[in-house]
Each structure stands twice: as structure tokens, then as C-alpha cells.
Amino acid sequence: VMPEADVLGGIIAGRNLAIGVTAAVFFAAIAVSLVLINVLLMPLTD
């Protein structure tokens, strides 16, 4: 009798880590994009 977590625990942890890193990179990219867009569009708005 073997728990699924023993087999998939590392995979799930890796998956969760990958999702977390991807989400962090995604939101960081959005933040950087918003800053860049603001910097680039501010003169256009003006």
C-alpha cells in the first residue's frame, strides 16, 4: 500500500514550484510592462 504523494509528491511540488515561478515571472513581467508602457506612453499622453 503506497500513498500517491510518495510517487507524485515531488512531481506535484515541482509542478507547484514551476507554477509559482511562472506566475511570479508573469506578474513581474506585467509590472515591468506597465512601468515601461507608462514611461513610453507618458510622453504620448502629454
All heavy atoms as atom14 arrays in JSON, in Angstrom:
{
  "sequence": "VMPEADVLGGIIAGRNLAIGVTAAVFFAAIAVSLVLINVLLMPLTD",
  "atom14_mask": [
    [1, 1, 1, 1, 1, 1, 1, 0, 0, 0, 0, 0, 0, 0],
    [1, 1, 1, 1, 1, 1, 1, 1, 0, 0, 0, 0, 0, 0],
    [1, 1, 1, 1, 1, 1, 1, 0, 0, 0, 0, 0, 0, 0],
    [1, 1, 1, 1, 1, 1, 1, 1, 1, 0, 0, 0, 0, 0],
    [1, 1, 1, 1, 1, 0, 0, 0, 0, 0, 0, 0, 0, 0],
    [1, 1, 1, 1, 1, 1, 1, 1, 0, 0, 0, 0, 0, 0],
    [1, 1, 1, 1, 1, 1, 1, 0, 0, 0, 0, 0, 0, 0],
    [1, 1, 1, 1, 1, 1, 1, 1, 0, 0, 0, 0, 0, 0],
    [1, 1, 1, 1, 0, 0, 0, 0, 0, 0, 0, 0, 0, 0],
    [1, 1, 1, 1, 0, 0, 0, 0, 0, 0, 0, 0, 0, 0],
    [1, 1, 1, 1, 1, 1, 1, 1, 0, 0, 0, 0, 0, 0],
    [1, 1, 1, 1, 1, 1, 1, 1, 0, 0, 0, 0, 0, 0],
    [1, 1, 1, 1, 1, 0, 0, 0, 0, 0, 0, 0, 0, 0],
    [1, 1, 1, 1, 0, 0, 0, 0, 0, 0, 0, 0, 0, 0],
    [1, 1, 1, 1, 1, 1, 1, 1, 1, 1, 1, 0, 0, 0],
    [1, 1, 1, 1, 1, 1, 1, 1, 0, 0, 0, 0, 0, 0],
    [1, 1, 1, 1, 1, 1, 1, 1, 0, 0, 0, 0, 0, 0],
    [1, 1, 1, 1, 1, 0, 0, 0, 0, 0, 0, 0, 0, 0],
    [1, 1, 1, 1, 1, 1, 1, 1, 0, 0, 0, 0, 0, 0],
    [1, 1, 1, 1, 0, 0, 0, 0, 0, 0, 0, 0, 0, 0],
    [1, 1, 1, 1, 1, 1, 1, 0, 0, 0, 0, 0, 0, 0],
    [1, 1, 1, 1, 1, 1, 1, 0, 0, 0, 0, 0, 0, 0],
    [1, 1, 1, 1, 1, 0, 0, 0, 0, 0, 0, 0, 0, 0],
    [1, 1, 1, 1, 1, 0, 0, 0, 0, 0, 0, 0, 0, 0],
    [1, 1, 1, 1, 1, 1, 1, 0, 0, 0, 0, 0, 0, 0],
    [1, 1, 1, 1, 1, 1, 1, 1, 1, 1, 1, 0, 0, 0],
    [1, 1, 1, 1, 1, 1, 1, 1, 1, 1, 1, 0, 0, 0],
    [1, 1, 1, 1, 1, 0, 0, 0, 0, 0, 0, 0, 0, 0],
    [1, 1, 1, 1, 1, 0, 0, 0, 0, 0, 0, 0, 0, 0],
    [1, 1, 1, 1, 1, 1, 1, 1, 0, 0, 0, 0, 0, 0],
    [1, 1, 1, 1, 1, 0, 0, 0, 0, 0, 0, 0, 0, 0],
    [1, 1, 1, 1, 1, 1, 1, 0, 0, 0, 0, 0, 0, 0],
    [1, 1, 1, 1, 1, 1, 0, 0, 0, 0, 0, 0, 0, 0],
    [1, 1, 1, 1, 1, 1, 1, 1, 0, 0, 0, 0, 0, 0],
    [1, 1, 1, 1, 1, 1, 1, 0, 0, 0, 0, 0, 0, 0],
    [1, 1, 1, 1, 1, 1, 1, 1, 0, 0, 0, 0, 0, 0],
    [1, 1, 1, 1, 1, 1, 1, 1, 0, 0, 0, 0, 0, 0],
    [1, 1, 1, 1, 1, 1, 1, 1, 0, 0, 0, 0, 0, 0],
    [1, 1, 1, 1, 1, 1, 1, 0, 0, 0, 0, 0, 0, 0],
    [1, 1, 1, 1, 1, 1, 1, 1, 0, 0, 0, 0, 0, 0],
    [1, 1, 1, 1, 1, 1, 1, 1, 0, 0, 0, 0, 0, 0],
    [1, 1, 1, 1, 1, 1, 1, 1, 0, 0, 0, 0, 0, 0],
    [1, 1, 1, 1, 1, 1, 1, 0, 0, 0, 0, 0, 0, 0],
    [1, 1, 1, 1, 1, 1, 1, 1, 0, 0, 0, 0, 0, 0],
    [1, 1, 1, 1, 1, 1, 1, 0, 0, 0, 0, 0, 0, 0],
    [1, 1, 1, 1, 1, 1, 1, 1, 0, 0, 0, 0, 0, 0]
  ],
  "atom14_positions": [
    [[0.87, -1.19, 0.0], [0.0, 0.0, 0.0], [0.91, 1.24, 0.0], [1.72, 1.41, 0.93], [-0.95, 0.01, 1.21], [-1.82, 1.27, 1.16], [-1.8, -1.24, 1.24], [0.0, 0.0, 0.0], [0.0, 0.0, 0.0], [0.0, 0.0, 0.0], [0.0, 0.0, 0.0], [0.0, 0.0, 0.0], [0.0, 0.0, 0.0], [0.0, 0.0, 0.0]],
    [[0.75, 2.05, -1.03], [1.68, 3.19, -1.22], [0.87, 4.47, -1.45], [0.0, 4.51, -2.33], [2.59, 2.91, -2.43], [3.55, 4.04, -2.74], [4.7, 3.57, -4.05], [3.56, 3.13, -5.36], [0.0, 0.0, 0.0], [0.0, 0.0, 0.0], [0.0, 0.0, 0.0], [0.0, 0.0, 0.0], [0.0, 0.0, 0.0], [0.0, 0.0, 0.0]],
    [[1.12, 5.56, -0.69], [0.42, 6.84, -0.91], [0.84, 7.46, -2.25], [2.0, 7.35, -2.67], [0.88, 7.73, 0.25], [1.45, 6.79, 1.26], [2.0, 5.64, 0.48], [0.0, 0.0, 0.0], [0.0, 0.0, 0.0], [0.0, 0.0, 0.0], [0.0, 0.0, 0.0], [0.0, 0.0, 0.0], [0.0, 0.0, 0.0], [0.0, 0.0, 0.0]],
    [[-0.13, 8.05, -2.9], [0.16, 8.72, -4.18], [1.2, 9.82, -4.0], [2.02, 10.07, -4.88], [-1.13, 9.31, -4.76], [-0.93, 9.99, -6.11], [-2.19, 10.69, -6.57], [-2.73, 11.51, -5.8], [-2.65, 10.41, -7.7], [0.0, 0.0, 0.0], [0.0, 0.0, 0.0], [0.0, 0.0, 0.0], [0.0, 0.0, 0.0], [0.0, 0.0, 0.0]],
    [[1.18, 10.46, -2.82], [2.11, 11.56, -2.57], [3.55, 11.11, -2.63], [4.44, 11.89, -2.99], [1.8, 12.21, -1.22], [0.0, 0.0, 0.0], [0.0, 0.0, 0.0], [0.0, 0.0, 0.0], [0.0, 0.0, 0.0], [0.0, 0.0, 0.0], [0.0, 0.0, 0.0], [0.0, 0.0, 0.0], [0.0, 0.0, 0.0], [0.0, 0.0, 0.0]],
    [[3.79, 9.82, -2.27], [5.18, 9.33, -2.35], [5.66, 9.27, -3.79], [6.86, 9.42, -4.06], [5.27, 7.94, -1.73], [5.35, 7.98, -0.21], [5.1, 9.08, 0.33], [5.64, 6.95, 0.41], [0.0, 0.0, 0.0], [0.0, 0.0, 0.0], [0.0, 0.0, 0.0], [0.0, 0.0, 0.0], [0.0, 0.0, 0.0], [0.0, 0.0, 0.0]],
    [[4.72, 9.01, -4.71], [5.1, 8.9, -6.12], [5.08, 10.27, -6.8], [6.02, 10.66, -7.5], [4.15, 7.93, -6.85], [4.53, 7.82, -8.33], [4.16, 6.57, -6.18], [0.0, 0.0, 0.0], [0.0, 0.0, 0.0], [0.0, 0.0, 0.0], [0.0, 0.0, 0.0], [0.0, 0.0, 0.0], [0.0, 0.0, 0.0], [0.0, 0.0, 0.0]],
    [[3.96, 11.0, -6.54], [3.76, 12.27, -7.25], [4.12, 13.49, -6.42], [4.04, 14.61, -6.92], [2.29, 12.39, -7.7], [1.77, 11.28, -8.59], [0.32, 11.54, -8.95], [2.62, 11.14, -9.85], [0.0, 0.0, 0.0], [0.0, 0.0, 0.0], [0.0, 0.0, 0.0], [0.0, 0.0, 0.0], [0.0, 0.0, 0.0], [0.0, 0.0, 0.0]],
    [[4.46, 13.26, -5.14], [4.75, 14.41, -4.28], [5.81, 15.32, -4.85], [5.65, 16.54, -4.93], [0.0, 0.0, 0.0], [0.0, 0.0, 0.0], [0.0, 0.0, 0.0], [0.0, 0.0, 0.0], [0.0, 0.0, 0.0], [0.0, 0.0, 0.0], [0.0, 0.0, 0.0], [0.0, 0.0, 0.0], [0.0, 0.0, 0.0], [0.0, 0.0, 0.0]],
    [[6.92, 14.73, -5.28], [7.99, 15.55, -5.86], [7.55, 16.21, -7.15], [7.9, 17.36, -7.42], [0.0, 0.0, 0.0], [0.0, 0.0, 0.0], [0.0, 0.0, 0.0], [0.0, 0.0, 0.0], [0.0, 0.0, 0.0], [0.0, 0.0, 0.0], [0.0, 0.0, 0.0], [0.0, 0.0, 0.0], [0.0, 0.0, 0.0], [0.0, 0.0, 0.0]],
    [[6.77, 15.43, -7.94], [6.3, 15.99, -9.22], [5.33, 17.14, -8.95], [5.42, 18.2, -9.58], [5.6, 14.89, -10.05], [6.61, 13.78, -10.39], [4.99, 15.48, -11.3], [5.99, 12.61, -11.11], [0.0, 0.0, 0.0], [0.0, 0.0, 0.0], [0.0, 0.0, 0.0], [0.0, 0.0, 0.0], [0.0, 0.0, 0.0], [0.0, 0.0, 0.0]],
    [[4.4, 16.93, -7.99], [3.44, 17.98, -7.66], [4.16, 19.2, -7.08], [3.86, 20.35, -7.42], [2.39, 17.45, -6.67], [1.55, 16.36, -7.35], [1.51, 18.57, -6.16], [0.56, 15.69, -6.42], [0.0, 0.0, 0.0], [0.0, 0.0, 0.0], [0.0, 0.0, 0.0], [0.0, 0.0, 0.0], [0.0, 0.0, 0.0], [0.0, 0.0, 0.0]],
    [[5.13, 18.92, -6.18], [5.88, 20.04, -5.61], [6.63, 20.81, -6.71], [6.66, 22.04, -6.73], [6.86, 19.54, -4.56], [0.0, 0.0, 0.0], [0.0, 0.0, 0.0], [0.0, 0.0, 0.0], [0.0, 0.0, 0.0], [0.0, 0.0, 0.0], [0.0, 0.0, 0.0], [0.0, 0.0, 0.0], [0.0, 0.0, 0.0], [0.0, 0.0, 0.0]],
    [[7.23, 20.02, -7.63], [7.92, 20.67, -8.75], [6.96, 21.44, -9.63], [7.26, 22.55, -10.09], [0.0, 0.0, 0.0], [0.0, 0.0, 0.0], [0.0, 0.0, 0.0], [0.0, 0.0, 0.0], [0.0, 0.0, 0.0], [0.0, 0.0, 0.0], [0.0, 0.0, 0.0], [0.0, 0.0, 0.0], [0.0, 0.0, 0.0], [0.0, 0.0, 0.0]],
    [[5.76, 20.79, -9.84], [4.75, 21.49, -10.64], [4.31, 22.78, -9.96], [4.22, 23.84, -10.6], [3.55, 20.57, -10.84], [2.41, 21.21, -11.63], [1.09, 20.51, -11.34], [0.72, 20.66, -9.94], [-0.32, 20.04, -9.39], [-1.04, 19.19, -10.11], [-0.61, 20.25, -8.1], [0.0, 0.0, 0.0], [0.0, 0.0, 0.0], [0.0, 0.0, 0.0]],
    [[4.04, 22.68, -8.65], [3.62, 23.88, -7.92], [4.7, 24.95, -7.93], [4.41, 26.15, -8.05], [3.24, 23.52, -6.48], [2.02, 22.63, -6.42], [1.22, 22.6, -7.36], [1.84, 21.92, -5.32], [0.0, 0.0, 0.0], [0.0, 0.0, 0.0], [0.0, 0.0, 0.0], [0.0, 0.0, 0.0], [0.0, 0.0, 0.0], [0.0, 0.0, 0.0]],
    [[5.95, 24.48, -7.78], [7.05, 25.44, -7.83], [7.14, 26.09, -9.2], [7.32, 27.31, -9.32], [8.37, 24.73, -7.48], [9.64, 25.61, -7.55], [9.53, 26.75, -6.54], [10.88, 24.76, -7.3], [0.0, 0.0, 0.0], [0.0, 0.0, 0.0], [0.0, 0.0, 0.0], [0.0, 0.0, 0.0], [0.0, 0.0, 0.0], [0.0, 0.0, 0.0]],
    [[6.98, 25.27, -10.24], [7.02, 25.81, -11.6], [5.89, 26.8, -11.84], [6.08, 27.87, -12.43], [6.96, 24.67, -12.62], [0.0, 0.0, 0.0], [0.0, 0.0, 0.0], [0.0, 0.0, 0.0], [0.0, 0.0, 0.0], [0.0, 0.0, 0.0], [0.0, 0.0, 0.0], [0.0, 0.0, 0.0], [0.0, 0.0, 0.0], [0.0, 0.0, 0.0]],
    [[4.67, 26.4, -11.33], [3.54, 27.32, -11.49], [3.79, 28.61, -10.73], [3.51, 29.71, -11.22], [2.24, 26.64, -10.99], [1.87, 25.48, -11.93], [1.1, 27.64, -10.92], [0.68, 24.67, -11.45], [0.0, 0.0, 0.0], [0.0, 0.0, 0.0], [0.0, 0.0, 0.0], [0.0, 0.0, 0.0], [0.0, 0.0, 0.0], [0.0, 0.0, 0.0]],
    [[4.32, 28.48, -9.49], [4.6, 29.67, -8.69], [5.62, 30.57, -9.35], [5.46, 31.79, -9.41], [0.0, 0.0, 0.0], [0.0, 0.0, 0.0], [0.0, 0.0, 0.0], [0.0, 0.0, 0.0], [0.0, 0.0, 0.0], [0.0, 0.0, 0.0], [0.0, 0.0, 0.0], [0.0, 0.0, 0.0], [0.0, 0.0, 0.0], [0.0, 0.0, 0.0]],
    [[6.7, 29.93, -9.85], [7.74, 30.72, -10.53], [7.18, 31.37, -11.79], [7.42, 32.55, -12.07], [8.95, 29.84, -10.86], [9.94, 30.59, -11.74], [9.64, 29.37, -9.58], [0.0, 0.0, 0.0], [0.0, 0.0, 0.0], [0.0, 0.0, 0.0], [0.0, 0.0, 0.0], [0.0, 0.0, 0.0], [0.0, 0.0, 0.0], [0.0, 0.0, 0.0]],
    [[6.38, 30.58, -12.54], [5.78, 31.13, -13.77], [4.85, 32.3, -13.46], [4.88, 33.33, -14.13], [5.0, 30.03, -14.51], [5.89, 28.95, -14.81], [4.42, 30.58, -15.8], [0.0, 0.0, 0.0], [0.0, 0.0, 0.0], [0.0, 0.0, 0.0], [0.0, 0.0, 0.0], [0.0, 0.0, 0.0], [0.0, 0.0, 0.0], [0.0, 0.0, 0.0]],
    [[4.02, 32.11, -12.4], [3.11, 33.2, -12.02], [3.88, 34.43, -11.57], [3.53, 35.56, -11.92], [2.17, 32.72, -10.91], [0.0, 0.0, 0.0], [0.0, 0.0, 0.0], [0.0, 0.0, 0.0], [0.0, 0.0, 0.0], [0.0, 0.0, 0.0], [0.0, 0.0, 0.0], [0.0, 0.0, 0.0], [0.0, 0.0, 0.0], [0.0, 0.0, 0.0]],
    [[4.94, 34.18, -10.77], [5.74, 35.31, -10.3], [6.39, 36.05, -11.47], [6.39, 37.28, -11.53], [6.81, 34.82, -9.31], [0.0, 0.0, 0.0], [0.0, 0.0, 0.0], [0.0, 0.0, 0.0], [0.0, 0.0, 0.0], [0.0, 0.0, 0.0], [0.0, 0.0, 0.0], [0.0, 0.0, 0.0], [0.0, 0.0, 0.0], [0.0, 0.0, 0.0]],
    [[6.94, 35.26, -12.4], [7.56, 35.88, -13.58], [6.51, 36.62, -14.42], [6.75, 37.72, -14.92], [8.27, 34.8, -14.44], [8.74, 35.39, -15.77], [9.45, 34.23, -13.67], [0.0, 0.0, 0.0], [0.0, 0.0, 0.0], [0.0, 0.0, 0.0], [0.0, 0.0, 0.0], [0.0, 0.0, 0.0], [0.0, 0.0, 0.0], [0.0, 0.0, 0.0]],
    [[5.31, 35.99, -14.52], [4.23, 36.61, -15.3], [3.83, 37.96, -14.71], [3.76, 38.97, -15.42], [3.03, 35.67, -15.34], [1.82, 36.24, -16.03], [1.79, 36.38, -17.41], [0.73, 36.66, -15.28], [0.67, 36.91, -18.03], [-0.38, 37.19, -15.9], [-0.42, 37.32, -17.28], [0.0, 0.0, 0.0], [0.0, 0.0, 0.0], [0.0, 0.0, 0.0]],
    [[3.58, 37.96, -13.39], [3.16, 39.22, -12.76], [4.3, 40.24, -12.74], [4.06, 41.45, -12.85], [2.64, 38.95, -11.35], [1.3, 38.28, -11.34], [1.16, 36.98, -10.89], [0.17, 38.94, -11.8], [-0.08, 36.35, -10.88], [-1.08, 38.32, -11.8], [-1.19, 37.02, -11.33], [0.0, 0.0, 0.0], [0.0, 0.0, 0.0], [0.0, 0.0, 0.0]],
    [[5.52, 39.73, -12.56], [6.66, 40.66, -12.62], [6.77, 41.26, -14.02], [7.06, 42.46, -14.17], [7.95, 39.93, -12.25], [0.0, 0.0, 0.0], [0.0, 0.0, 0.0], [0.0, 0.0, 0.0], [0.0, 0.0, 0.0], [0.0, 0.0, 0.0], [0.0, 0.0, 0.0], [0.0, 0.0, 0.0], [0.0, 0.0, 0.0], [0.0, 0.0, 0.0]],
    [[6.54, 40.41, -15.03], [6.58, 40.92, -16.41], [5.48, 41.95, -16.65], [5.7, 42.97, -17.31], [6.44, 39.76, -17.4], [0.0, 0.0, 0.0], [0.0, 0.0, 0.0], [0.0, 0.0, 0.0], [0.0, 0.0, 0.0], [0.0, 0.0, 0.0], [0.0, 0.0, 0.0], [0.0, 0.0, 0.0], [0.0, 0.0, 0.0], [0.0, 0.0, 0.0]],
    [[4.29, 41.67, -16.07], [3.2, 42.64, -16.21], [3.57, 43.96, -15.55], [3.36, 45.04, -16.1], [1.9, 42.07, -15.6], [1.37, 40.92, -16.46], [0.84, 43.16, -15.47], [0.12, 40.28, -15.9], [0.0, 0.0, 0.0], [0.0, 0.0, 0.0], [0.0, 0.0, 0.0], [0.0, 0.0, 0.0], [0.0, 0.0, 0.0], [0.0, 0.0, 0.0]],
    [[4.14, 43.86, -14.33], [4.53, 45.08, -13.61], [5.57, 45.86, -14.39], [5.47, 47.08, -14.56], [5.05, 44.72, -12.22], [0.0, 0.0, 0.0], [0.0, 0.0, 0.0], [0.0, 0.0, 0.0], [0.0, 0.0, 0.0], [0.0, 0.0, 0.0], [0.0, 0.0, 0.0], [0.0, 0.0, 0.0], [0.0, 0.0, 0.0], [0.0, 0.0, 0.0]],
    [[6.59, 45.12, -14.88], [7.63, 45.8, -15.67], [7.04, 46.38, -16.94], [7.38, 47.5, -17.35], [8.78, 44.8, -15.99], [9.77, 45.43, -16.96], [9.49, 44.38, -14.72], [0.0, 0.0, 0.0], [0.0, 0.0, 0.0], [0.0, 0.0, 0.0], [0.0, 0.0, 0.0], [0.0, 0.0, 0.0], [0.0, 0.0, 0.0], [0.0, 0.0, 0.0]],
    [[6.12, 45.62, -17.56], [5.49, 46.12, -18.79], [4.69, 47.38, -18.53], [4.74, 48.34, -19.31], [4.57, 45.04, -19.38], [5.31, 43.88, -19.71], [0.0, 0.0, 0.0], [0.0, 0.0, 0.0], [0.0, 0.0, 0.0], [0.0, 0.0, 0.0], [0.0, 0.0, 0.0], [0.0, 0.0, 0.0], [0.0, 0.0, 0.0], [0.0, 0.0, 0.0]],
    [[3.95, 47.38, -17.4], [3.16, 48.57, -17.07], [4.06, 49.77, -16.84], [3.75, 50.89, -17.26], [2.31, 48.3, -15.84], [1.14, 47.3, -16.03], [0.44, 47.06, -14.71], [0.16, 47.81, -17.07], [0.0, 0.0, 0.0], [0.0, 0.0, 0.0], [0.0, 0.0, 0.0], [0.0, 0.0, 0.0], [0.0, 0.0, 0.0], [0.0, 0.0, 0.0]],
    [[5.18, 49.51, -16.15], [6.13, 50.62, -15.91], [6.69, 51.12, -17.24], [6.74, 52.34, -17.49], [7.27, 50.16, -14.97], [8.34, 51.23, -14.88], [6.71, 49.86, -13.59], [0.0, 0.0, 0.0], [0.0, 0.0, 0.0], [0.0, 0.0, 0.0], [0.0, 0.0, 0.0], [0.0, 0.0, 0.0], [0.0, 0.0, 0.0], [0.0, 0.0, 0.0]],
    [[7.11, 50.17, -18.1], [7.67, 50.57, -19.39], [6.63, 51.28, -20.24], [6.91, 52.3, -20.89], [8.21, 49.34, -20.12], [9.49, 48.71, -19.53], [9.87, 47.47, -20.32], [10.63, 49.72, -19.55], [0.0, 0.0, 0.0], [0.0, 0.0, 0.0], [0.0, 0.0, 0.0], [0.0, 0.0, 0.0], [0.0, 0.0, 0.0], [0.0, 0.0, 0.0]],
    [[5.39, 50.72, -20.24], [4.33, 51.35, -21.02], [4.06, 52.75, -20.5], [3.87, 53.7, -21.28], [3.05, 50.49, -20.96], [3.26, 49.2, -21.78], [1.84, 51.25, -21.51], [2.13, 48.21, -21.65], [0.0, 0.0, 0.0], [0.0, 0.0, 0.0], [0.0, 0.0, 0.0], [0.0, 0.0, 0.0], [0.0, 0.0, 0.0], [0.0, 0.0, 0.0]],
    [[4.04, 52.88, -19.15], [3.81, 54.2, -18.58], [4.91, 55.17, -18.97], [4.65, 56.33, -19.32], [3.72, 54.09, -17.06], [3.33, 55.4, -16.41], [2.33, 56.01, -16.76], [4.13, 55.85, -15.48], [0.0, 0.0, 0.0], [0.0, 0.0, 0.0], [0.0, 0.0, 0.0], [0.0, 0.0, 0.0], [0.0, 0.0, 0.0], [0.0, 0.0, 0.0]],
    [[6.18, 54.66, -18.91], [7.3, 55.52, -19.28], [7.23, 55.91, -20.76], [7.49, 57.05, -21.14], [8.64, 54.81, -18.97], [9.81, 55.58, -19.56], [8.8, 54.65, -17.47], [0.0, 0.0, 0.0], [0.0, 0.0, 0.0], [0.0, 0.0, 0.0], [0.0, 0.0, 0.0], [0.0, 0.0, 0.0], [0.0, 0.0, 0.0], [0.0, 0.0, 0.0]],
    [[6.83, 54.92, -21.59], [6.79, 55.17, -23.03], [5.58, 56.0, -23.43], [5.66, 56.86, -24.31], [6.79, 53.85, -23.8], [8.07, 52.98, -23.65], [7.9, 51.68, -24.41], [9.29, 53.73, -24.15], [0.0, 0.0, 0.0], [0.0, 0.0, 0.0], [0.0, 0.0, 0.0], [0.0, 0.0, 0.0], [0.0, 0.0, 0.0], [0.0, 0.0, 0.0]],
    [[4.43, 55.71, -22.76], [3.2, 56.39, -23.17], [3.0, 57.73, -22.5], [2.18, 58.53, -22.97], [2.01, 55.49, -22.87], [1.9, 54.2, -23.69], [0.6, 53.49, -23.38], [1.99, 54.49, -25.19], [0.0, 0.0, 0.0], [0.0, 0.0, 0.0], [0.0, 0.0, 0.0], [0.0, 0.0, 0.0], [0.0, 0.0, 0.0], [0.0, 0.0, 0.0]],
    [[3.71, 57.98, -21.4], [3.53, 59.26, -20.73], [3.8, 60.44, -21.67], [2.99, 61.38, -21.73], [4.43, 59.34, -19.49], [4.16, 60.57, -18.62], [5.25, 60.64, -17.19], [4.8, 59.12, -16.36], [0.0, 0.0, 0.0], [0.0, 0.0, 0.0], [0.0, 0.0, 0.0], [0.0, 0.0, 0.0], [0.0, 0.0, 0.0], [0.0, 0.0, 0.0]],
    [[4.91, 60.41, -22.44], [5.1, 61.5, -23.4], [4.0, 61.55, -24.45], [3.58, 62.65, -24.86], [6.46, 61.17, -24.04], [7.14, 60.29, -23.05], [6.05, 59.48, -22.43], [0.0, 0.0, 0.0], [0.0, 0.0, 0.0], [0.0, 0.0, 0.0], [0.0, 0.0, 0.0], [0.0, 0.0, 0.0], [0.0, 0.0, 0.0], [0.0, 0.0, 0.0]],
    [[3.49, 60.36, -24.88], [2.42, 60.35, -25.87], [1.14, 60.93, -25.27], [0.42, 61.69, -25.94], [2.17, 58.93, -26.35], [3.31, 58.27, -27.15], [2.93, 56.85, -27.54], [3.63, 59.09, -28.4], [0.0, 0.0, 0.0], [0.0, 0.0, 0.0], [0.0, 0.0, 0.0], [0.0, 0.0, 0.0], [0.0, 0.0, 0.0], [0.0, 0.0, 0.0]],
    [[0.86, 60.56, -24.02], [-0.32, 61.13, -23.35], [-0.19, 62.63, -23.23], [-1.16, 63.37, -23.44], [-0.47, 60.5, -21.95], [-0.57, 59.08, -22.09], [-1.72, 61.01, -21.26], [0.0, 0.0, 0.0], [0.0, 0.0, 0.0], [0.0, 0.0, 0.0], [0.0, 0.0, 0.0], [0.0, 0.0, 0.0], [0.0, 0.0, 0.0], [0.0, 0.0, 0.0]],
    [[1.02, 63.08, -22.9], [1.24, 64.53, -22.78], [1.05, 65.22, -24.12], [0.43, 66.29, -24.19], [2.66, 64.78, -22.24], [2.96, 66.26, -22.08], [2.35, 66.89, -21.21], [3.79, 66.79, -22.84], [0.0, 0.0, 0.0], [0.0, 0.0, 0.0], [0.0, 0.0, 0.0], [0.0, 0.0, 0.0], [0.0, 0.0, 0.0], [0.0, 0.0, 0.0]]
  ]
}
